[in-house]
Amino acid sequence: GYGDGKGEALKIQLNDGSTEAGHWRDYYITVDFTGWKYCELPLPEGEALDYSHITSCNLYYNGLPPNSQVECLVDDIRALRELTGQPSTRED
């Protein structure tokens, strides 16, 4: 993402289509950086969310600083088979 360094939180919420408890997963990225930054989200072990069947990905802001504007850009959201710490170069 591209951040403005103002400390807001970008919330990424995943769902696998189920309405049962545990089938939603929230991730938070604190936007304490400026410019572009590559971010990966780890897969927690032993949770009910079916990562092979994600049906929605919602993006929200949380913790907005009062009386100011924020700017955060998101580009190229991908589901990776493993965490690499580096942007993927695969096209599939």
C-alpha atoms as a PDB file:
ATOM      1  CA  GLY A   1       0.000   0.000   0.000  1.00  0.00           C
ATOM      2  CA  TYR A   2       0.861   3.652  -0.226  1.00  0.00           C
ATOM      3  CA  GLY A   3       0.716   5.389   3.117  1.00  0.00           C
ATOM      4  CA  ASP A   4       0.681   8.923   4.460  1.00  0.00           C
ATOM      5  CA  GLY A   5       2.295   8.076   7.821  1.00  0.00           C
ATOM      6  CA  LYS A   6      -0.571   9.494   9.927  1.00  0.00           C
ATOM      7  CA  GLY A   7      -1.139   6.288  11.936  1.00  0.00           C
ATOM      8  CA  GLU A   8      -4.586   5.290  10.716  1.00  0.00           C
ATOM      9  CA  ALA A   9      -5.317   1.571  10.464  1.00  0.00           C
ATOM     10  CA  LEU A  10      -6.247  -0.113   7.199  1.00  0.00           C
ATOM     11  CA  LYS A  11      -8.591  -2.978   8.053  1.00  0.00           C
ATOM     12  CA  ILE A  12      -8.747  -5.873   5.600  1.00  0.00           C
ATOM     13  CA  GLN A  13     -11.691  -8.189   6.247  1.00  0.00           C
ATOM     14  CA  LEU A  14     -12.008 -11.596   4.564  1.00  0.00           C
ATOM     15  CA  ASN A  15     -15.047 -13.911   4.478  1.00  0.00           C
ATOM     16  CA  ASP A  16     -15.505 -17.383   3.013  1.00  0.00           C
ATOM     17  CA  GLY A  17     -19.239 -17.043   2.332  1.00  0.00           C
ATOM     18  CA  SER A  18     -20.361 -18.541   5.644  1.00  0.00           C
ATOM     19  CA  THR A  19     -22.418 -16.558   8.143  1.00  0.00           C
ATOM     20  CA  GLU A  20     -21.253 -18.749  11.043  1.00  0.00           C
ATOM     21  CA  ALA A  21     -18.981 -17.362  13.739  1.00  0.00           C
ATOM     22  CA  GLY A  22     -15.286 -17.612  12.944  1.00  0.00           C
ATOM     23  CA  HIS A  23     -15.707 -17.350   9.173  1.00  0.00           C
ATOM     24  CA  TRP A  24     -14.618 -13.704   9.097  1.00  0.00           C
ATOM     25  CA  ARG A  25     -10.998 -12.646   9.531  1.00  0.00           C
ATOM     26  CA  ASP A  26      -9.848  -9.092  10.217  1.00  0.00           C
ATOM     27  CA  TYR A  27      -6.303  -7.940   9.565  1.00  0.00           C
ATOM     28  CA  TYR A  28      -5.009  -4.489  10.509  1.00  0.00           C
ATOM     29  CA  ILE A  29      -2.102  -2.632   8.937  1.00  0.00           C
ATOM     30  CA  THR A  30      -1.020   0.508  10.786  1.00  0.00           C
ATOM     31  CA  VAL A  31      -0.240   3.172   8.209  1.00  0.00           C
ATOM     32  CA  ASP A  32       2.835   4.495   9.995  1.00  0.00           C
ATOM     33  CA  PHE A  33       4.828   4.630   6.749  1.00  0.00           C
ATOM     34  CA  THR A  34       4.992   7.065   3.856  1.00  0.00           C
ATOM     35  CA  GLY A  35       5.183   6.032   0.228  1.00  0.00           C
ATOM     36  CA  TRP A  36       4.788   2.505  -1.090  1.00  0.00           C
ATOM     37  CA  LYS A  37       5.266  -0.503   1.186  1.00  0.00           C
ATOM     38  CA  TYR A  38       4.837  -4.212   0.409  1.00  0.00           C
ATOM     39  CA  CYS A  39       2.623  -5.938   3.015  1.00  0.00           C
ATOM     40  CA  GLU A  40       1.854  -9.627   3.568  1.00  0.00           C
ATOM     41  CA  LEU A  41      -0.783 -10.992   5.916  1.00  0.00           C
ATOM     42  CA  PRO A  42       0.032 -14.259   7.729  1.00  0.00           C
ATOM     43  CA  LEU A  43      -2.424 -17.158   7.861  1.00  0.00           C
ATOM     44  CA  PRO A  44      -3.319 -18.011  11.469  1.00  0.00           C
ATOM     45  CA  GLU A  45      -3.347 -21.719  12.283  1.00  0.00           C
ATOM     46  CA  GLY A  46      -6.456 -23.547  13.415  1.00  0.00           C
ATOM     47  CA  GLU A  47      -9.122 -21.090  12.405  1.00  0.00           C
ATOM     48  CA  ALA A  48     -12.504 -21.806  10.822  1.00  0.00           C
ATOM     49  CA  LEU A  49     -12.135 -19.453   7.848  1.00  0.00           C
ATOM     50  CA  ASP A  50     -11.716 -21.421   4.599  1.00  0.00           C
ATOM     51  CA  TYR A  51      -8.931 -19.539   2.813  1.00  0.00           C
ATOM     52  CA  SER A  52      -9.441 -21.666  -0.318  1.00  0.00           C
ATOM     53  CA  HIS A  53     -12.947 -20.181  -0.711  1.00  0.00           C
ATOM     54  CA  ILE A  54     -12.711 -16.429   0.030  1.00  0.00           C
ATOM     55  CA  THR A  55     -15.841 -14.725  -1.324  1.00  0.00           C
ATOM     56  CA  SER A  56     -15.285 -11.169  -0.127  1.00  0.00           C
ATOM     57  CA  CYS A  57     -12.453  -8.828   0.750  1.00  0.00           C
ATOM     58  CA  ASN A  58     -13.559  -5.576   2.425  1.00  0.00           C
ATOM     59  CA  LEU A  59     -11.261  -2.619   3.073  1.00  0.00           C
ATOM     60  CA  TYR A  60     -11.961  -0.086   5.838  1.00  0.00           C
ATOM     61  CA  TYR A  61     -10.202   2.706   7.694  1.00  0.00           C
ATOM     62  CA  ASN A  62     -10.045   2.589  11.495  1.00  0.00           C
ATOM     63  CA  GLY A  63      -8.426   4.930  13.990  1.00  0.00           C
ATOM     64  CA  LEU A  64      -8.553   8.009  11.790  1.00  0.00           C
ATOM     65  CA  PRO A  65      -6.776  11.039  13.259  1.00  0.00           C
ATOM     66  CA  PRO A  66      -9.296  13.756  14.205  1.00  0.00           C
ATOM     67  CA  ASN A  67      -9.764  16.828  12.033  1.00  0.00           C
ATOM     68  CA  SER A  68      -7.448  15.720   9.239  1.00  0.00           C
ATOM     69  CA  GLN A  69      -7.524  13.950   5.912  1.00  0.00           C
ATOM     70  CA  VAL A  70      -5.742  10.669   5.259  1.00  0.00           C
ATOM     71  CA  GLU A  71      -4.483   9.075   2.070  1.00  0.00           C
ATOM     72  CA  CYS A  72      -3.794   5.410   1.539  1.00  0.00           C
ATOM     73  CA  LEU A  73      -3.659   3.615  -1.799  1.00  0.00           C
ATOM     74  CA  VAL A  74      -3.920  -0.142  -2.281  1.00  0.00           C
ATOM     75  CA  ASP A  75      -2.657  -1.926  -5.383  1.00  0.00           C
ATOM     76  CA  ASP A  76      -2.338  -5.506  -6.603  1.00  0.00           C
ATOM     77  CA  ILE A  77      -4.078  -7.587  -3.911  1.00  0.00           C
ATOM     78  CA  ARG A  78      -3.083 -11.240  -4.349  1.00  0.00           C
ATOM     79  CA  ALA A  79      -3.605 -14.521  -2.545  1.00  0.00           C
ATOM     80  CA  LEU A  80      -0.193 -16.178  -2.156  1.00  0.00           C
ATOM     81  CA  ARG A  81       0.433 -19.828  -1.354  1.00  0.00           C
ATOM     82  CA  GLU A  82       3.302 -18.936   0.974  1.00  0.00           C
ATOM     83  CA  LEU A  83       4.762 -15.842   2.606  1.00  0.00           C
ATOM     84  CA  THR A  84       7.881 -14.607   0.895  1.00  0.00           C
ATOM     85  CA  GLY A  85       8.541 -11.125   2.243  1.00  0.00           C
ATOM     86  CA  GLN A  86       8.892  -9.939  -1.351  1.00  0.00           C
ATOM     87  CA  PRO A  87       6.360  -8.869  -4.005  1.00  0.00           C
ATOM     88  CA  SER A  88       5.268 -11.718  -6.257  1.00  0.00           C
ATOM     89  CA  THR A  89       6.438 -11.652  -9.861  1.00  0.00           C
ATOM     90  CA  ARG A  90       4.024 -14.411 -10.938  1.00  0.00           C
ATOM     91  CA  GLU A  91       1.323 -13.444 -13.399  1.00  0.00           C
ATOM     92  CA  ASP A  92      -1.185 -16.242 -12.573  1.00  0.00           C
END
